[in-house]
Each structure stands twice: as C-alpha cells, then as structure tokens.
Amino acid sequence: MPALLPFFQWCDNTSIGQAIRNSRVLFPVIESVHLFALTVLLGTVIVLNLRMLGAGLRRQPMPQVARSLAPLTFWSLLVMLGTGILLFCSEAMKCYESPPFKLKMVTLFLAIIFHWTVFRPAANFPIDLAPPRRIATAAVSMILWFGVAVAGRAIGFY
C-alpha cells in the first residue's frame, strides 16, 4: 500500500481534514451522523434479510418490502459514505496504518457490490428463491454489512 501514501498524506493535509481535526465539535457531530446512517442502513438490511428468510413480514411480497426500503437504504448509504469521507480526511494517516480500516474498506466495497448485484435482484424477483439460495444470500449480506460495522468500530481501538 506504499503507493497510496501520497493520497493519504494529501487527504490528511486538506483544509477540511485539518478543520475537523482542530475542532472540538465537528468530529463528534460527523461521527454521530455517520453512526446514525449506519444504524438506519443496518436496520433496512436486517428487515430485508429477515423477510428473505421468511422470518418477518410474511404477508408482504419480498419485492414490495424491498421497494419500500430502497430509498432509506440508498440515502443512509449515501450519508454514511459522505460522512465517512469527512472522518477519513480528519485522520487519514491514522487510517493508513490501521488494519481495521483496510478491512472495513474491503468489506464495504464487497457489501455494496453484493447488495446491488446479487441481493437486490434476488429481493426484487417476483418468485421466492429456493430456500438454500435465500439462506445463502441473506447470510452473505448480513456478514458483509455487519463486518463493515465491526471493522469500523475496531478502527477506534487500533
């Protein structure tokens, strides 16, 4: 990852990063918004996965549940990414050295790709998937999204 060092240094030296780092209020406020967005995102993911497993909202078709939660999922992810960039800029050099940060970025990338290429099409399919496929899809989704949360939390302890 030495090739990325100049990028991390540049982010760390941006005026936004410095302003957040030098403020007593900005980092905790941004972090709170970031965690709230993550909570909303995980809430929608849990509801969708439970429905996919047949453990909740059984009377509503899966595509209807998925369509209802799609805007909340999208906007919470967008807020989470935006605030995450701000948090990253405020401590980019700390992140450069952090294995949990690297794990979070890989897990986040995989979760987003999986969600939009596998999970969403499966959730919007008008006919329920076969039980093994439903279980596997829901399990991978939960592991990836909760992996993002756990790795993110671990950043603070490294």
N, C-alpha and C. Protein backbone atom coordinates (compact mmCIF):
# COMPACT_ATOMS: atom_id res chain seq x y z
N MET A 1 0.80 -1.20 0.00
CA MET A 1 0.00 0.00 0.00
C MET A 1 0.85 1.27 0.00
N PRO A 2 2.18 1.16 -0.12
CA PRO A 2 3.00 2.37 -0.15
C PRO A 2 2.63 3.32 -1.28
N ALA A 3 2.09 2.80 -2.37
CA ALA A 3 1.71 3.65 -3.49
C ALA A 3 0.59 4.62 -3.10
N LEU A 4 -0.20 4.26 -2.08
CA LEU A 4 -1.30 5.12 -1.66
C LEU A 4 -0.90 6.16 -0.61
N LEU A 5 0.32 6.08 -0.11
CA LEU A 5 0.77 7.01 0.93
C LEU A 5 0.59 8.48 0.53
N PRO A 6 0.98 8.91 -0.68
CA PRO A 6 0.77 10.32 -1.03
C PRO A 6 -0.71 10.73 -0.98
N PHE A 7 -1.60 9.82 -1.38
CA PHE A 7 -3.04 10.14 -1.31
C PHE A 7 -3.48 10.33 0.13
N PHE A 8 -3.06 9.44 1.02
CA PHE A 8 -3.42 9.55 2.43
C PHE A 8 -2.85 10.83 3.03
N GLN A 9 -1.60 11.17 2.67
CA GLN A 9 -0.99 12.41 3.16
C GLN A 9 -1.75 13.63 2.65
N TRP A 10 -2.13 13.60 1.38
CA TRP A 10 -2.88 14.71 0.82
C TRP A 10 -4.22 14.89 1.55
N CYS A 11 -4.94 13.77 1.76
CA CYS A 11 -6.22 13.84 2.48
C CYS A 11 -6.04 14.39 3.89
N ASP A 12 -4.99 13.93 4.55
CA ASP A 12 -4.71 14.37 5.92
C ASP A 12 -4.41 15.86 5.98
N ASN A 13 -3.84 16.41 4.90
CA ASN A 13 -3.47 17.82 4.88
C ASN A 13 -4.52 18.74 4.27
N THR A 14 -5.66 18.21 3.84
CA THR A 14 -6.70 19.08 3.28
C THR A 14 -7.22 20.02 4.35
N SER A 15 -7.75 21.15 3.91
CA SER A 15 -8.29 22.11 4.88
C SER A 15 -9.49 21.52 5.62
N ILE A 16 -10.26 20.68 4.94
CA ILE A 16 -11.41 20.03 5.60
C ILE A 16 -10.92 19.10 6.69
N GLY A 17 -9.94 18.28 6.38
CA GLY A 17 -9.38 17.36 7.38
C GLY A 17 -8.82 18.10 8.57
N GLN A 18 -8.08 19.17 8.31
CA GLN A 18 -7.49 19.95 9.39
C GLN A 18 -8.56 20.64 10.23
N ALA A 19 -9.59 21.16 9.57
CA ALA A 19 -10.66 21.85 10.31
C ALA A 19 -11.39 20.87 11.24
N ILE A 20 -11.67 19.69 10.74
CA ILE A 20 -12.35 18.68 11.57
C ILE A 20 -11.43 18.27 12.73
N ARG A 21 -10.18 18.04 12.43
CA ARG A 21 -9.21 17.60 13.43
C ARG A 21 -9.00 18.68 14.51
N ASN A 22 -9.07 19.94 14.13
CA ASN A 22 -8.80 21.03 15.07
C ASN A 22 -10.04 21.51 15.82
N SER A 23 -11.18 20.98 15.46
CA SER A 23 -12.43 21.38 16.12
C SER A 23 -12.76 20.40 17.24
N ARG A 24 -13.33 20.93 18.29
CA ARG A 24 -13.78 20.07 19.40
C ARG A 24 -15.15 19.49 19.12
N VAL A 25 -15.88 20.07 18.17
CA VAL A 25 -17.27 19.70 17.93
C VAL A 25 -17.47 18.91 16.63
N LEU A 26 -16.74 19.26 15.59
CA LEU A 26 -17.02 18.69 14.26
C LEU A 26 -16.90 17.17 14.22
N PHE A 27 -15.80 16.61 14.71
CA PHE A 27 -15.63 15.17 14.62
C PHE A 27 -16.76 14.41 15.32
N PRO A 28 -17.10 14.75 16.56
CA PRO A 28 -18.19 14.00 17.22
C PRO A 28 -19.55 14.17 16.52
N VAL A 29 -19.81 15.34 15.97
CA VAL A 29 -21.08 15.55 15.26
C VAL A 29 -21.11 14.71 13.98
N ILE A 30 -20.03 14.77 13.21
CA ILE A 30 -19.97 13.99 11.97
C ILE A 30 -20.03 12.50 12.28
N GLU A 31 -19.31 12.08 13.30
CA GLU A 31 -19.33 10.65 13.70
C GLU A 31 -20.74 10.22 14.11
N SER A 32 -21.45 11.09 14.82
CA SER A 32 -22.82 10.75 15.23
C SER A 32 -23.74 10.57 14.02
N VAL A 33 -23.62 11.47 13.06
CA VAL A 33 -24.43 11.35 11.83
C VAL A 33 -24.03 10.08 11.08
N HIS A 34 -22.74 9.79 11.03
CA HIS A 34 -22.23 8.59 10.36
C HIS A 34 -22.82 7.33 11.02
N LEU A 35 -22.78 7.29 12.33
CA LEU A 35 -23.30 6.11 13.04
C LEU A 35 -24.82 6.00 12.94
N PHE A 36 -25.51 7.13 12.91
CA PHE A 36 -26.95 7.09 12.72
C PHE A 36 -27.29 6.54 11.34
N ALA A 37 -26.57 6.99 10.32
CA ALA A 37 -26.80 6.47 8.96
C ALA A 37 -26.49 4.98 8.89
N LEU A 38 -25.43 4.55 9.55
CA LEU A 38 -25.10 3.12 9.59
C LEU A 38 -26.21 2.33 10.28
N THR A 39 -26.75 2.88 11.35
CA THR A 39 -27.83 2.21 12.07
C THR A 39 -29.07 2.06 11.19
N VAL A 40 -29.42 3.10 10.47
CA VAL A 40 -30.57 3.04 9.56
C VAL A 40 -30.30 2.01 8.46
N LEU A 41 -29.10 2.06 7.89
CA LEU A 41 -28.74 1.10 6.85
C LEU A 41 -28.83 -0.33 7.36
N LEU A 42 -28.24 -0.59 8.52
CA LEU A 42 -28.31 -1.95 9.08
C LEU A 42 -29.74 -2.35 9.40
N GLY A 43 -30.56 -1.39 9.83
CA GLY A 43 -31.97 -1.69 10.09
C GLY A 43 -32.69 -2.14 8.84
N THR A 44 -32.47 -1.45 7.74
CA THR A 44 -33.13 -1.86 6.49
C THR A 44 -32.60 -3.21 6.01
N VAL A 45 -31.31 -3.43 6.18
CA VAL A 45 -30.71 -4.70 5.77
C VAL A 45 -31.26 -5.85 6.61
N ILE A 46 -31.39 -5.63 7.90
CA ILE A 46 -31.94 -6.68 8.78
C ILE A 46 -33.38 -7.01 8.38
N VAL A 47 -34.20 -5.99 8.16
CA VAL A 47 -35.60 -6.22 7.78
C VAL A 47 -35.67 -6.98 6.46
N LEU A 48 -34.87 -6.58 5.48
CA LEU A 48 -34.87 -7.26 4.19
C LEU A 48 -34.40 -8.71 4.31
N ASN A 49 -33.35 -8.93 5.09
CA ASN A 49 -32.84 -10.28 5.25
C ASN A 49 -33.81 -11.17 6.02
N LEU A 50 -34.44 -10.62 7.04
CA LEU A 50 -35.43 -11.41 7.77
C LEU A 50 -36.61 -11.77 6.88
N ARG A 51 -37.02 -10.82 6.04
CA ARG A 51 -38.12 -11.12 5.10
C ARG A 51 -37.68 -12.17 4.09
N MET A 52 -36.45 -12.07 3.63
CA MET A 52 -35.95 -13.05 2.67
C MET A 52 -35.92 -14.45 3.30
N LEU A 53 -35.66 -14.51 4.59
CA LEU A 53 -35.62 -15.80 5.30
C LEU A 53 -37.00 -16.26 5.74
N GLY A 54 -38.02 -15.43 5.51
CA GLY A 54 -39.37 -15.79 5.90
C GLY A 54 -39.63 -15.61 7.39
N ALA A 55 -38.79 -14.83 8.05
CA ALA A 55 -38.93 -14.65 9.50
C ALA A 55 -39.69 -13.37 9.88
N GLY A 56 -40.18 -12.64 8.92
CA GLY A 56 -40.91 -11.43 9.21
C GLY A 56 -41.60 -10.90 7.97
N LEU A 57 -42.66 -10.14 8.18
CA LEU A 57 -43.41 -9.51 7.10
C LEU A 57 -43.82 -10.52 6.02
N ARG A 58 -44.22 -11.68 6.45
CA ARG A 58 -44.54 -12.77 5.50
C ARG A 58 -45.72 -12.45 4.59
N ARG A 59 -46.61 -11.60 5.04
CA ARG A 59 -47.79 -11.29 4.22
C ARG A 59 -47.50 -10.33 3.08
N GLN A 60 -46.36 -9.68 3.15
CA GLN A 60 -46.00 -8.74 2.10
C GLN A 60 -44.99 -9.38 1.15
N PRO A 61 -45.20 -9.25 -0.14
CA PRO A 61 -44.25 -9.82 -1.09
C PRO A 61 -42.87 -9.18 -0.93
N MET A 62 -41.86 -9.99 -1.08
CA MET A 62 -40.48 -9.52 -0.93
C MET A 62 -40.18 -8.31 -1.82
N PRO A 63 -40.60 -8.31 -3.10
CA PRO A 63 -40.32 -7.12 -3.92
C PRO A 63 -40.95 -5.84 -3.36
N GLN A 64 -42.12 -5.96 -2.75
CA GLN A 64 -42.77 -4.78 -2.16
C GLN A 64 -41.96 -4.26 -0.97
N VAL A 65 -41.50 -5.17 -0.12
CA VAL A 65 -40.68 -4.77 1.03
C VAL A 65 -39.39 -4.12 0.54
N ALA A 66 -38.77 -4.74 -0.45
CA ALA A 66 -37.51 -4.21 -1.00
C ALA A 66 -37.71 -2.82 -1.59
N ARG A 67 -38.78 -2.63 -2.36
CA ARG A 67 -39.06 -1.31 -2.96
C ARG A 67 -39.33 -0.27 -1.88
N SER A 68 -40.05 -0.66 -0.83
CA SER A 68 -40.37 0.28 0.25
C SER A 68 -39.12 0.76 0.98
N LEU A 69 -38.17 -0.13 1.15
CA LEU A 69 -36.97 0.21 1.93
C LEU A 69 -35.82 0.74 1.07
N ALA A 70 -35.93 0.62 -0.25
CA ALA A 70 -34.84 1.02 -1.14
C ALA A 70 -34.41 2.48 -0.95
N PRO A 71 -35.33 3.44 -0.86
CA PRO A 71 -34.87 4.83 -0.68
C PRO A 71 -34.14 5.03 0.65
N LEU A 72 -34.64 4.41 1.70
CA LEU A 72 -33.99 4.53 3.01
C LEU A 72 -32.60 3.90 2.98
N THR A 73 -32.50 2.76 2.34
CA THR A 73 -31.20 2.09 2.22
C THR A 73 -30.23 2.96 1.42
N PHE A 74 -30.68 3.47 0.29
CA PHE A 74 -29.83 4.28 -0.58
C PHE A 74 -29.36 5.55 0.12
N TRP A 75 -30.29 6.29 0.71
CA TRP A 75 -29.92 7.57 1.32
C TRP A 75 -29.05 7.39 2.57
N SER A 76 -29.33 6.35 3.34
CA SER A 76 -28.48 6.12 4.51
C SER A 76 -27.07 5.73 4.07
N LEU A 77 -26.96 4.94 3.01
CA LEU A 77 -25.63 4.60 2.49
C LEU A 77 -24.92 5.85 1.97
N LEU A 78 -25.63 6.70 1.28
CA LEU A 78 -25.03 7.92 0.75
C LEU A 78 -24.53 8.83 1.89
N VAL A 79 -25.34 8.99 2.93
CA VAL A 79 -24.93 9.81 4.09
C VAL A 79 -23.74 9.16 4.78
N MET A 80 -23.79 7.84 4.92
CA MET A 80 -22.69 7.12 5.55
C MET A 80 -21.39 7.32 4.76
N LEU A 81 -21.45 7.23 3.45
CA LEU A 81 -20.25 7.42 2.63
C LEU A 81 -19.73 8.86 2.71
N GLY A 82 -20.66 9.82 2.65
CA GLY A 82 -20.25 11.23 2.73
C GLY A 82 -19.60 11.58 4.05
N THR A 83 -20.21 11.16 5.14
CA THR A 83 -19.62 11.45 6.45
C THR A 83 -18.36 10.63 6.66
N GLY A 84 -18.31 9.43 6.10
CA GLY A 84 -17.11 8.61 6.20
C GLY A 84 -15.91 9.26 5.53
N ILE A 85 -16.15 9.90 4.40
CA ILE A 85 -15.06 10.61 3.71
C ILE A 85 -14.54 11.75 4.58
N LEU A 86 -15.46 12.48 5.21
CA LEU A 86 -15.04 13.57 6.10
C LEU A 86 -14.23 13.04 7.28
N LEU A 87 -14.72 11.96 7.89
CA LEU A 87 -13.99 11.36 9.02
C LEU A 87 -12.62 10.87 8.58
N PHE A 88 -12.57 10.26 7.40
CA PHE A 88 -11.30 9.77 6.87
C PHE A 88 -10.31 10.91 6.69
N CYS A 89 -10.76 12.02 6.12
CA CYS A 89 -9.86 13.16 5.89
C CYS A 89 -9.30 13.70 7.20
N SER A 90 -10.05 13.58 8.26
CA SER A 90 -9.59 14.12 9.54
C SER A 90 -8.56 13.24 10.22
N GLU A 91 -8.46 11.98 9.79
CA GLU A 91 -7.46 11.08 10.40
C GLU A 91 -6.91 10.09 9.37
N ALA A 92 -6.59 10.61 8.21
CA ALA A 92 -6.13 9.75 7.11
C ALA A 92 -4.85 9.00 7.44
N MET A 93 -3.92 9.64 8.10
CA MET A 93 -2.66 8.96 8.41
C MET A 93 -2.86 7.87 9.46
N LYS A 94 -3.78 8.08 10.36
CA LYS A 94 -4.12 7.01 11.31
C LYS A 94 -4.73 5.83 10.54
N CYS A 95 -5.58 6.13 9.59
CA CYS A 95 -6.21 5.07 8.78
C CYS A 95 -5.19 4.33 7.93
N TYR A 96 -4.17 5.03 7.47
CA TYR A 96 -3.14 4.40 6.64
C TYR A 96 -2.46 3.25 7.38
N GLU A 97 -2.30 3.41 8.67
CA GLU A 97 -1.63 2.40 9.50
C GLU A 97 -2.59 1.38 10.09
N SER A 98 -3.87 1.53 9.87
CA SER A 98 -4.89 0.75 10.58
C SER A 98 -5.38 -0.48 9.80
N PRO A 99 -5.06 -1.70 10.27
CA PRO A 99 -5.62 -2.90 9.63
C PRO A 99 -7.16 -2.92 9.67
N PRO A 100 -7.81 -2.49 10.77
CA PRO A 100 -9.28 -2.48 10.75
C PRO A 100 -9.85 -1.55 9.66
N PHE A 101 -9.18 -0.43 9.38
CA PHE A 101 -9.64 0.46 8.32
C PHE A 101 -9.58 -0.25 6.97
N LYS A 102 -8.47 -0.93 6.73
CA LYS A 102 -8.33 -1.66 5.47
C LYS A 102 -9.41 -2.73 5.34
N LEU A 103 -9.66 -3.44 6.44
CA LEU A 103 -10.71 -4.47 6.44
C LEU A 103 -12.07 -3.84 6.19
N LYS A 104 -12.32 -2.68 6.81
CA LYS A 104 -13.60 -2.01 6.61
C LYS A 104 -13.80 -1.61 5.15
N MET A 105 -12.75 -1.08 4.54
CA MET A 105 -12.87 -0.64 3.15
C MET A 105 -13.13 -1.83 2.21
N VAL A 106 -12.44 -2.92 2.43
CA VAL A 106 -12.66 -4.12 1.60
C VAL A 106 -14.07 -4.65 1.82
N THR A 107 -14.48 -4.74 3.09
CA THR A 107 -15.81 -5.26 3.41
C THR A 107 -16.89 -4.34 2.86
N LEU A 108 -16.71 -3.04 2.98
CA LEU A 108 -17.68 -2.08 2.45
C LEU A 108 -17.81 -2.22 0.94
N PHE A 109 -16.69 -2.30 0.26
CA PHE A 109 -16.71 -2.48 -1.19
C PHE A 109 -17.47 -3.75 -1.57
N LEU A 110 -17.15 -4.85 -0.91
CA LEU A 110 -17.81 -6.13 -1.20
C LEU A 110 -19.30 -6.07 -0.86
N ALA A 111 -19.65 -5.42 0.25
CA ALA A 111 -21.06 -5.32 0.65
C ALA A 111 -21.87 -4.53 -0.37
N ILE A 112 -21.31 -3.43 -0.84
CA ILE A 112 -22.02 -2.61 -1.83
C ILE A 112 -22.18 -3.38 -3.14
N ILE A 113 -21.12 -3.99 -3.60
CA ILE A 113 -21.19 -4.77 -4.85
C ILE A 113 -22.19 -5.92 -4.70
N PHE A 114 -22.12 -6.66 -3.60
CA PHE A 114 -23.03 -7.78 -3.38
C PHE A 114 -24.48 -7.30 -3.30
N HIS A 115 -24.68 -6.20 -2.60
CA HIS A 115 -26.05 -5.69 -2.41
C HIS A 115 -26.69 -5.33 -3.76
N TRP A 116 -25.93 -4.65 -4.62
CA TRP A 116 -26.52 -4.19 -5.88
C TRP A 116 -26.47 -5.22 -7.01
N THR A 117 -25.63 -6.22 -6.90
CA THR A 117 -25.55 -7.20 -8.00
C THR A 117 -26.22 -8.53 -7.68
N VAL A 118 -26.30 -8.90 -6.40
CA VAL A 118 -26.88 -10.19 -6.03
C VAL A 118 -28.13 -10.01 -5.17
N PHE A 119 -28.00 -9.26 -4.08
CA PHE A 119 -29.09 -9.16 -3.12
C PHE A 119 -30.32 -8.46 -3.69
N ARG A 120 -30.13 -7.26 -4.24
CA ARG A 120 -31.29 -6.52 -4.78
C ARG A 120 -32.02 -7.26 -5.87
N PRO A 121 -31.33 -7.83 -6.86
CA PRO A 121 -32.07 -8.60 -7.86
C PRO A 121 -32.83 -9.77 -7.24
N ALA A 122 -32.23 -10.44 -6.26
CA ALA A 122 -32.92 -11.55 -5.59
C ALA A 122 -34.13 -11.05 -4.81
N ALA A 123 -33.99 -9.91 -4.16
CA ALA A 123 -35.09 -9.36 -3.36
C ALA A 123 -36.23 -8.87 -4.24
N ASN A 124 -35.91 -8.41 -5.43
CA ASN A 124 -36.93 -7.88 -6.34
C ASN A 124 -37.50 -8.91 -7.29
N PHE A 125 -37.01 -10.14 -7.20
CA PHE A 125 -37.52 -11.20 -8.06
C PHE A 125 -38.93 -11.57 -7.60
N PRO A 126 -39.91 -11.62 -8.49
CA PRO A 126 -41.30 -11.83 -8.07
C PRO A 126 -41.58 -13.19 -7.42
N ILE A 127 -40.75 -14.17 -7.70
CA ILE A 127 -40.95 -15.50 -7.12
C ILE A 127 -39.85 -15.74 -6.10
N ASP A 128 -40.22 -16.30 -4.94
CA ASP A 128 -39.22 -16.57 -3.92
C ASP A 128 -38.14 -17.51 -4.43
N LEU A 129 -36.92 -17.25 -4.01
CA LEU A 129 -35.81 -18.12 -4.35
C LEU A 129 -35.93 -19.44 -3.59
N ALA A 130 -35.24 -20.46 -4.05
CA ALA A 130 -35.19 -21.73 -3.33
C ALA A 130 -34.56 -21.48 -1.96
N PRO A 131 -35.03 -22.19 -0.92
CA PRO A 131 -34.54 -21.94 0.44
C PRO A 131 -33.01 -21.90 0.60
N PRO A 132 -32.25 -22.82 0.00
CA PRO A 132 -30.79 -22.72 0.19
C PRO A 132 -30.21 -21.42 -0.38
N ARG A 133 -30.74 -20.99 -1.49
CA ARG A 133 -30.24 -19.75 -2.10
C ARG A 133 -30.65 -18.54 -1.27
N ARG A 134 -31.88 -18.55 -0.75
CA ARG A 134 -32.33 -17.45 0.12
C ARG A 134 -31.44 -17.36 1.36
N ILE A 135 -31.19 -18.49 1.98
CA ILE A 135 -30.38 -18.52 3.20
C ILE A 135 -28.96 -18.02 2.91
N ALA A 136 -28.38 -18.50 1.82
CA ALA A 136 -27.01 -18.08 1.46
C ALA A 136 -26.95 -16.59 1.15
N THR A 137 -27.92 -16.09 0.41
CA THR A 137 -27.94 -14.67 0.05
C THR A 137 -28.08 -13.81 1.30
N ALA A 138 -29.01 -14.16 2.17
CA ALA A 138 -29.21 -13.40 3.40
C ALA A 138 -27.98 -13.48 4.31
N ALA A 139 -27.39 -14.65 4.41
CA ALA A 139 -26.21 -14.83 5.28
C ALA A 139 -25.03 -13.99 4.80
N VAL A 140 -24.76 -14.03 3.51
CA VAL A 140 -23.64 -13.24 2.96
C VAL A 140 -23.90 -11.75 3.17
N SER A 141 -25.12 -11.33 2.92
CA SER A 141 -25.49 -9.93 3.12
C SER A 141 -25.25 -9.49 4.56
N MET A 142 -25.73 -10.27 5.50
CA MET A 142 -25.58 -9.91 6.92
C MET A 142 -24.11 -9.92 7.34
N ILE A 143 -23.37 -10.92 6.90
CA ILE A 143 -21.95 -11.00 7.26
C ILE A 143 -21.20 -9.78 6.73
N LEU A 144 -21.46 -9.41 5.49
CA LEU A 144 -20.75 -8.28 4.91
C LEU A 144 -21.11 -6.96 5.61
N TRP A 145 -22.40 -6.67 5.76
CA TRP A 145 -22.79 -5.39 6.36
C TRP A 145 -22.40 -5.29 7.82
N PHE A 146 -22.55 -6.38 8.57
CA PHE A 146 -22.12 -6.33 9.97
C PHE A 146 -20.60 -6.32 10.06
N GLY A 147 -19.92 -6.90 9.07
CA GLY A 147 -18.46 -6.81 9.02
C GLY A 147 -18.00 -5.37 8.86
N VAL A 148 -18.73 -4.59 8.06
CA VAL A 148 -18.43 -3.17 7.91
C VAL A 148 -18.53 -2.47 9.27
N ALA A 149 -19.61 -2.75 9.99
CA ALA A 149 -19.83 -2.10 11.28
C ALA A 149 -18.76 -2.50 12.31
N VAL A 150 -18.46 -3.77 12.39
CA VAL A 150 -17.48 -4.25 13.37
C VAL A 150 -16.09 -3.73 13.04
N ALA A 151 -15.69 -3.80 11.79
CA ALA A 151 -14.38 -3.29 11.40
C ALA A 151 -14.29 -1.79 11.65
N GLY A 152 -15.38 -1.07 11.36
CA GLY A 152 -15.40 0.37 11.62
C GLY A 152 -15.24 0.68 13.08
N ARG A 153 -15.89 -0.09 13.91
CA ARG A 153 -15.77 0.12 15.36
C ARG A 153 -14.34 -0.17 15.83
N ALA A 154 -13.72 -1.18 15.22
CA ALA A 154 -12.36 -1.56 15.61
C ALA A 154 -11.33 -0.49 15.28
N ILE A 155 -11.63 0.39 14.33
CA ILE A 155 -10.69 1.45 13.97
C ILE A 155 -10.35 2.30 15.19
N GLY A 156 -11.34 2.57 16.02
CA GLY A 156 -11.12 3.40 17.21
C GLY A 156 -10.22 2.77 18.25
N PHE A 157 -10.03 1.46 18.18
CA PHE A 157 -9.21 0.77 19.17
C PHE A 157 -7.80 0.46 18.68
N TYR A 158 -7.56 0.78 17.42
CA TYR A 158 -6.22 0.47 16.89
C TYR A 158 -5.28 1.63 17.05
